[in-house]
Amino acid sequence: MRRKIPSTTALSAFEAAARHQSFTKAADELAVTQGAVCRQIAALEEFLGLKLFRRDRRGVALTDAGQAYSRKVALRLDDVEQDTLDVMAKGGHGGTLELAVVPTFATKWLLPRLPDFIAAHPEITVNLTASTRPFLFDDTQFDAAIHAGVAIWPGTEGRFLMSETLLAVCSPALIAPRSTLAATDWQRYPLLQQSTRPYAWRDWFASRGLQVAGDMSGPKLELFSMLAEAAVYGVGIALIPRLLIEDELRRGALVPADQYEQLSDRSYHFLYPERKSENTALTVFRDWLEQQAGQYGTASRSA
């Protein structure tokens, strides 16, 4: 059956005109005449059976349908362009993996290990983009994601990588290392808050059977990397997954303010849309990632 797909020339003209909100600027970008752009868009509108632009004396503007269609077309053209560049660069071998990853995990855990993957698989390029929130894969260019959460996203397959334990840490200049702090001791120090986990300290104290006044007060920072740096400089005590501060603990830049570690309800997963489960670059990276997680000390299992 013949596919119901417009010509790429028409789609390219439409995407450029939609982005610039101008047929003239689109023509300049594509090195064609304004008339050629008009003809391509008119042909596309006829093909679709609807108007993509409103035309008046002031120029052109996208209709609601045109606005929605332009976003999807832009994503698909980006994918085609990237695939084309990959084939050209790799000579048909390997590929590129677009990976969304929680920022501090990428910086502190993944990147130090990534040279091992690159050495073993030079034909595969891994591009990393920081992402802290769940998203719909169909609305992005991402092939997979590494996410810290409590559940697998709908419509995805996944692999469990590791659990996390939360450790209270600070600068050795703030608190001399000791085994246990009493409930009243905690009130003497600022508690650094992770803005996306507002109840982290309260849950940590509750798991120890403690109630601490002001457990949700203190400077709020979005990323664990920010919490770690603030703690290093003596701003307060931070509650951070141990796996993200191994280097600081090893160097003594951070020390445990208390020896207790809480097993978090969150864990790290490698997620990807079901339709990409057979993608070669993705499966090679997934297998390597599971191996690295296993070496870290957490047994891998399907999710």
Protein backbone atom coordinates (compact mmCIF):
# COMPACT_ATOMS: atom_id res chain seq x y z
CA MET A 1 0.00 0.00 0.00
CA ARG A 2 1.30 3.42 -0.92
CA ARG A 3 2.16 5.51 2.15
CA LYS A 4 0.13 8.63 2.87
CA ILE A 5 3.19 10.88 3.17
CA PRO A 6 3.69 14.36 1.62
CA SER A 7 6.89 15.17 -0.21
CA THR A 8 9.87 16.08 1.94
CA THR A 9 10.29 19.23 -0.17
CA ALA A 10 6.82 20.40 0.84
CA LEU A 11 7.41 19.47 4.49
CA SER A 12 10.75 21.32 4.55
CA ALA A 13 9.13 24.44 3.07
CA PHE A 14 6.29 24.23 5.59
CA GLU A 15 8.62 23.72 8.57
CA ALA A 16 10.78 26.71 7.59
CA ALA A 17 7.76 28.95 6.96
CA ALA A 18 6.17 27.87 10.27
CA ARG A 19 9.38 28.55 12.19
CA HIS A 20 9.88 31.99 10.64
CA GLN A 21 6.18 32.83 10.33
CA SER A 22 7.19 34.13 6.90
CA PHE A 23 7.26 32.70 3.38
CA THR A 24 9.94 35.20 2.39
CA LYS A 25 12.34 34.21 5.19
CA ALA A 26 11.67 30.54 4.49
CA ALA A 27 12.55 31.11 0.84
CA ASP A 28 15.80 32.85 1.83
CA GLU A 29 16.76 29.97 4.13
CA LEU A 30 16.00 27.31 1.52
CA ALA A 31 17.60 29.32 -1.33
CA VAL A 32 14.43 29.22 -3.46
CA THR A 33 11.91 31.83 -4.56
CA GLN A 34 8.99 32.92 -2.40
CA GLY A 35 6.72 31.61 -5.14
CA ALA A 36 8.27 28.15 -4.84
CA VAL A 37 7.56 28.13 -1.09
CA CYS A 38 3.97 29.26 -1.70
CA ARG A 39 3.44 26.48 -4.26
CA GLN A 40 4.87 23.80 -1.95
CA ILE A 41 2.69 24.88 0.97
CA ALA A 42 -0.39 25.14 -1.23
CA ALA A 43 0.28 21.60 -2.47
CA LEU A 44 0.69 20.41 1.13
CA GLU A 45 -2.58 22.06 2.17
CA GLU A 46 -4.34 20.41 -0.77
CA PHE A 47 -2.82 17.06 0.19
CA LEU A 48 -4.00 17.43 3.80
CA GLY A 49 -7.35 18.95 2.95
CA LEU A 50 -6.98 21.81 5.44
CA LYS A 51 -5.41 25.23 5.81
CA LEU A 52 -2.09 25.50 7.60
CA PHE A 53 -1.72 29.29 7.36
CA ARG A 54 -4.02 32.28 7.56
CA ARG A 55 -3.11 34.87 4.93
CA ASP A 56 -3.86 38.58 5.16
CA ARG A 57 -2.26 41.90 4.21
CA ARG A 58 0.12 41.74 7.17
CA GLY A 59 1.54 38.37 6.18
CA VAL A 60 0.87 34.80 7.27
CA ALA A 61 0.14 33.11 10.60
CA LEU A 62 -0.30 29.47 11.49
CA THR A 63 -3.78 28.10 12.03
CA ASP A 64 -4.34 25.91 15.10
CA ALA A 65 -3.98 22.83 12.92
CA GLY A 66 -0.83 24.27 11.34
CA GLN A 67 0.68 24.99 14.76
CA ALA A 68 0.12 21.43 15.97
CA TYR A 69 1.32 19.89 12.70
CA SER A 70 4.44 22.08 12.55
CA ARG A 71 5.69 20.83 15.92
CA LYS A 72 5.39 17.21 14.82
CA VAL A 73 6.91 17.83 11.39
CA ALA A 74 9.89 19.65 12.94
CA LEU A 75 10.60 16.68 15.23
CA ARG A 76 10.37 14.18 12.37
CA LEU A 77 12.61 16.23 10.09
CA ASP A 78 15.15 16.56 12.92
CA ASP A 79 15.10 12.77 13.28
CA VAL A 80 15.60 12.24 9.55
CA GLU A 81 18.44 14.76 9.49
CA GLN A 82 20.15 13.14 12.49
CA ASP A 83 19.75 9.67 10.99
CA THR A 84 21.22 10.91 7.74
CA LEU A 85 24.21 12.49 9.49
CA ASP A 86 24.73 9.29 11.47
CA VAL A 87 24.78 7.14 8.36
CA MET A 88 27.18 9.54 6.66
CA ALA A 89 29.49 9.70 9.68
CA LYS A 90 29.43 5.99 10.50
CA GLY A 91 29.36 4.60 6.97
CA GLY A 92 26.27 2.59 7.84
CA HIS A 93 27.76 1.08 11.00
CA GLY A 94 26.90 1.80 14.62
CA GLY A 95 24.57 4.66 15.42
CA THR A 96 23.71 7.46 17.80
CA LEU A 97 21.83 7.11 21.07
CA GLU A 98 19.98 10.16 22.37
CA LEU A 99 19.77 9.71 26.13
CA ALA A 100 17.87 11.80 28.68
CA VAL A 101 19.38 11.43 32.13
CA VAL A 102 18.97 12.95 35.57
CA PRO A 103 21.78 15.53 35.78
CA THR A 104 23.75 14.58 38.90
CA PHE A 105 23.62 10.87 38.09
CA ALA A 106 25.02 11.69 34.65
CA THR A 107 27.84 13.82 36.05
CA LYS A 108 28.83 11.78 39.10
CA TRP A 109 28.07 8.17 38.11
CA LEU A 110 27.64 7.75 34.35
CA LEU A 111 30.29 10.02 32.85
CA PRO A 112 33.22 8.56 34.85
CA ARG A 113 32.28 5.13 33.45
CA LEU A 114 31.40 6.20 29.90
CA PRO A 115 35.00 6.01 28.54
CA ASP A 116 34.79 2.24 29.07
CA PHE A 117 31.78 2.07 26.75
CA ILE A 118 33.36 4.37 24.16
CA ALA A 119 36.52 2.25 24.08
CA ALA A 120 34.51 -0.94 23.59
CA HIS A 121 32.02 0.53 21.09
CA PRO A 122 33.57 3.44 19.19
CA GLU A 123 30.94 3.04 16.47
CA ILE A 124 28.16 4.19 18.84
CA THR A 125 27.80 7.82 19.88
CA VAL A 126 25.96 8.56 23.13
CA ASN A 127 24.49 12.06 23.44
CA LEU A 128 23.39 13.12 26.92
CA THR A 129 20.71 15.67 27.79
CA ALA A 130 19.78 16.58 31.35
CA SER A 131 16.16 15.84 32.22
CA THR A 132 14.61 15.73 35.69
CA ARG A 133 10.95 15.09 34.79
CA PRO A 134 9.10 12.25 33.03
CA PHE A 135 8.12 12.94 29.42
CA LEU A 136 6.47 11.30 26.42
CA PHE A 137 9.07 9.79 24.10
CA ASP A 138 6.93 10.55 21.03
CA ASP A 139 7.23 14.27 21.77
CA THR A 140 11.03 14.25 21.94
CA GLN A 141 14.12 13.09 20.07
CA PHE A 142 15.17 10.77 22.90
CA ASP A 143 15.76 7.05 22.38
CA ALA A 144 15.99 6.22 26.09
CA ALA A 145 16.19 7.74 29.55
CA ILE A 146 17.82 7.07 32.90
CA HIS A 147 15.36 8.13 35.55
CA ALA A 148 15.17 8.01 39.33
CA GLY A 149 11.64 7.24 40.40
CA VAL A 150 9.21 4.81 41.95
CA ALA A 151 7.60 3.35 38.80
CA ILE A 152 8.15 2.60 35.11
CA TRP A 153 6.57 5.11 32.73
CA PRO A 154 3.50 3.94 30.75
CA GLY A 155 4.29 2.66 27.25
CA THR A 156 7.93 1.89 28.02
CA GLU A 157 10.13 -1.06 28.72
CA GLY A 158 12.81 -0.77 31.34
CA ARG A 159 15.67 -2.27 33.25
CA PHE A 160 16.28 -1.79 36.94
CA LEU A 161 19.78 -0.44 37.52
CA MET A 162 20.18 0.22 41.23
CA SER A 163 18.56 1.34 44.43
CA GLU A 164 19.76 4.35 46.37
CA THR A 165 20.54 4.90 50.03
CA LEU A 166 20.34 8.38 51.51
CA LEU A 167 23.19 9.61 53.68
CA ALA A 168 23.34 12.85 55.70
CA VAL A 169 26.63 14.56 54.88
CA CYS A 170 28.37 17.83 55.59
CA SER A 171 31.73 19.55 55.58
CA PRO A 172 34.13 18.27 58.26
CA ALA A 173 34.51 21.93 59.25
CA LEU A 174 30.80 22.05 60.13
CA ILE A 175 30.51 18.89 62.22
CA ALA A 176 33.30 16.64 63.38
CA PRO A 177 32.52 13.06 62.26
CA ARG A 178 30.53 11.17 64.87
CA SER A 179 28.31 8.09 64.93
CA THR A 180 24.96 9.53 66.06
CA LEU A 181 23.27 12.89 66.55
CA ALA A 182 20.42 13.31 69.01
CA ALA A 183 17.15 14.86 67.83
CA THR A 184 17.99 18.14 69.56
CA ASP A 185 21.42 18.23 67.88
CA TRP A 186 19.89 18.36 64.39
CA GLN A 187 18.10 21.61 65.19
CA ARG A 188 21.44 23.39 65.58
CA TYR A 189 22.34 23.03 61.89
CA PRO A 190 20.74 24.17 58.61
CA LEU A 191 19.15 21.28 56.73
CA LEU A 192 19.63 21.66 52.97
CA GLN A 193 16.41 20.79 51.14
CA GLN A 194 16.10 19.14 47.73
CA SER A 195 13.22 21.01 46.08
CA THR A 196 11.89 17.98 44.17
CA ARG A 197 11.88 15.84 47.33
CA PRO A 198 10.33 18.15 49.94
CA TYR A 199 9.66 15.37 52.49
CA ALA A 200 13.07 13.70 52.24
CA TRP A 201 14.37 14.85 55.63
CA ARG A 202 11.06 14.13 57.37
CA ASP A 203 10.97 10.60 55.95
CA TRP A 204 14.63 10.06 56.84
CA PHE A 205 14.05 11.11 60.45
CA ALA A 206 10.82 9.06 60.66
CA SER A 207 12.66 5.93 59.52
CA ARG A 208 14.87 6.40 62.60
CA GLY A 209 11.94 7.08 64.91
CA LEU A 210 12.86 10.76 65.30
CA GLN A 211 10.85 13.95 65.11
CA VAL A 212 12.93 17.05 64.44
CA ALA A 213 11.49 20.56 64.53
CA GLY A 214 12.11 22.49 61.31
CA ASP A 215 12.82 19.35 59.28
CA MET A 216 11.34 21.01 56.16
CA SER A 217 13.08 24.34 56.66
CA GLY A 218 16.37 25.38 55.14
CA PRO A 219 17.80 26.47 51.78
CA LYS A 220 16.13 24.73 48.83
CA LEU A 221 18.20 23.59 45.85
CA GLU A 222 17.00 21.71 42.78
CA LEU A 223 19.88 19.34 42.00
CA PHE A 224 21.85 16.95 44.17
CA SER A 225 25.04 18.40 42.67
CA MET A 226 24.02 21.78 44.15
CA LEU A 227 23.32 20.17 47.52
CA ALA A 228 26.71 18.50 47.50
CA GLU A 229 28.57 21.71 46.69
CA ALA A 230 26.61 23.66 49.30
CA ALA A 231 27.46 21.02 51.89
CA VAL A 232 31.15 21.06 50.90
CA TYR A 233 31.23 24.80 51.56
CA GLY A 234 29.63 24.41 54.97
CA VAL A 235 26.20 25.84 54.14
CA GLY A 236 24.47 23.01 56.00
CA ILE A 237 23.81 19.28 56.13
CA ALA A 238 22.62 17.60 52.94
CA LEU A 239 20.73 14.35 52.43
CA ILE A 240 22.15 12.78 49.27
CA PRO A 241 22.26 9.32 47.67
CA ARG A 242 25.64 7.79 48.51
CA LEU A 243 26.24 6.75 44.89
CA LEU A 244 26.33 10.43 43.87
CA ILE A 245 28.97 11.56 46.39
CA GLU A 246 31.47 8.70 46.42
CA ASP A 247 34.26 10.97 45.21
CA GLU A 248 33.59 13.64 47.86
CA LEU A 249 33.49 11.01 50.60
CA ARG A 250 36.70 9.44 49.35
CA ARG A 251 38.49 12.81 49.31
CA GLY A 252 37.09 13.82 52.68
CA ALA A 253 35.39 16.89 51.22
CA LEU A 254 32.19 15.51 52.74
CA VAL A 255 31.82 13.35 55.83
CA PRO A 256 28.76 11.56 57.25
CA ALA A 257 27.02 13.73 59.83
CA ASP A 258 25.48 10.49 61.02
CA GLN A 259 26.31 6.88 60.18
CA TYR A 260 22.68 5.93 59.47
CA GLU A 261 21.67 5.29 55.83
CA GLN A 262 18.09 5.01 54.68
CA LEU A 263 17.10 2.78 51.76
CA SER A 264 15.16 5.18 49.54
CA ASP A 265 11.84 4.33 47.91
CA ARG A 266 13.35 5.49 44.61
CA SER A 267 15.56 3.53 42.27
CA TYR A 268 17.32 4.16 38.96
CA HIS A 269 15.94 2.64 35.77
CA PHE A 270 16.93 2.61 32.11
CA LEU A 271 13.72 3.28 30.15
CA TYR A 272 12.92 3.23 26.43
CA PRO A 273 9.79 3.06 24.25
CA GLU A 274 8.63 -0.46 23.39
CA ARG A 275 9.04 0.22 19.68
CA LYS A 276 12.81 0.69 20.16
CA SER A 277 13.40 -2.54 22.07
CA GLU A 278 15.29 -4.06 19.10
CA ASN A 279 17.41 -0.98 18.32
CA THR A 280 20.99 -2.26 18.13
CA ALA A 281 22.74 0.78 19.64
CA LEU A 282 20.18 0.89 22.44
CA THR A 283 20.46 -2.79 23.34
CA VAL A 284 24.26 -2.67 23.32
CA PHE A 285 24.25 0.34 25.66
CA ARG A 286 21.56 -1.22 27.86
CA ASP A 287 23.58 -4.41 28.33
CA TRP A 288 26.71 -2.41 29.16
CA LEU A 289 24.78 -0.23 31.61
CA GLU A 290 23.36 -3.25 33.42
CA GLN A 291 26.86 -4.69 33.70
CA GLN A 292 28.18 -1.45 35.18
CA ALA A 293 25.30 -1.31 37.65
CA GLY A 294 26.03 -4.89 38.65
CA GLN A 295 29.70 -4.06 39.23
CA TYR A 296 28.59 -1.18 41.40
CA GLY A 297 27.02 -3.70 43.71
CA THR A 298 23.37 -3.85 42.78
CA ALA A 299 22.00 -6.93 41.05
CA SER A 300 20.17 -6.09 37.83
CA ARG A 301 16.68 -7.35 37.19
CA SER A 302 13.97 -6.72 34.64
CA ALA A 303 11.46 -3.99 35.43
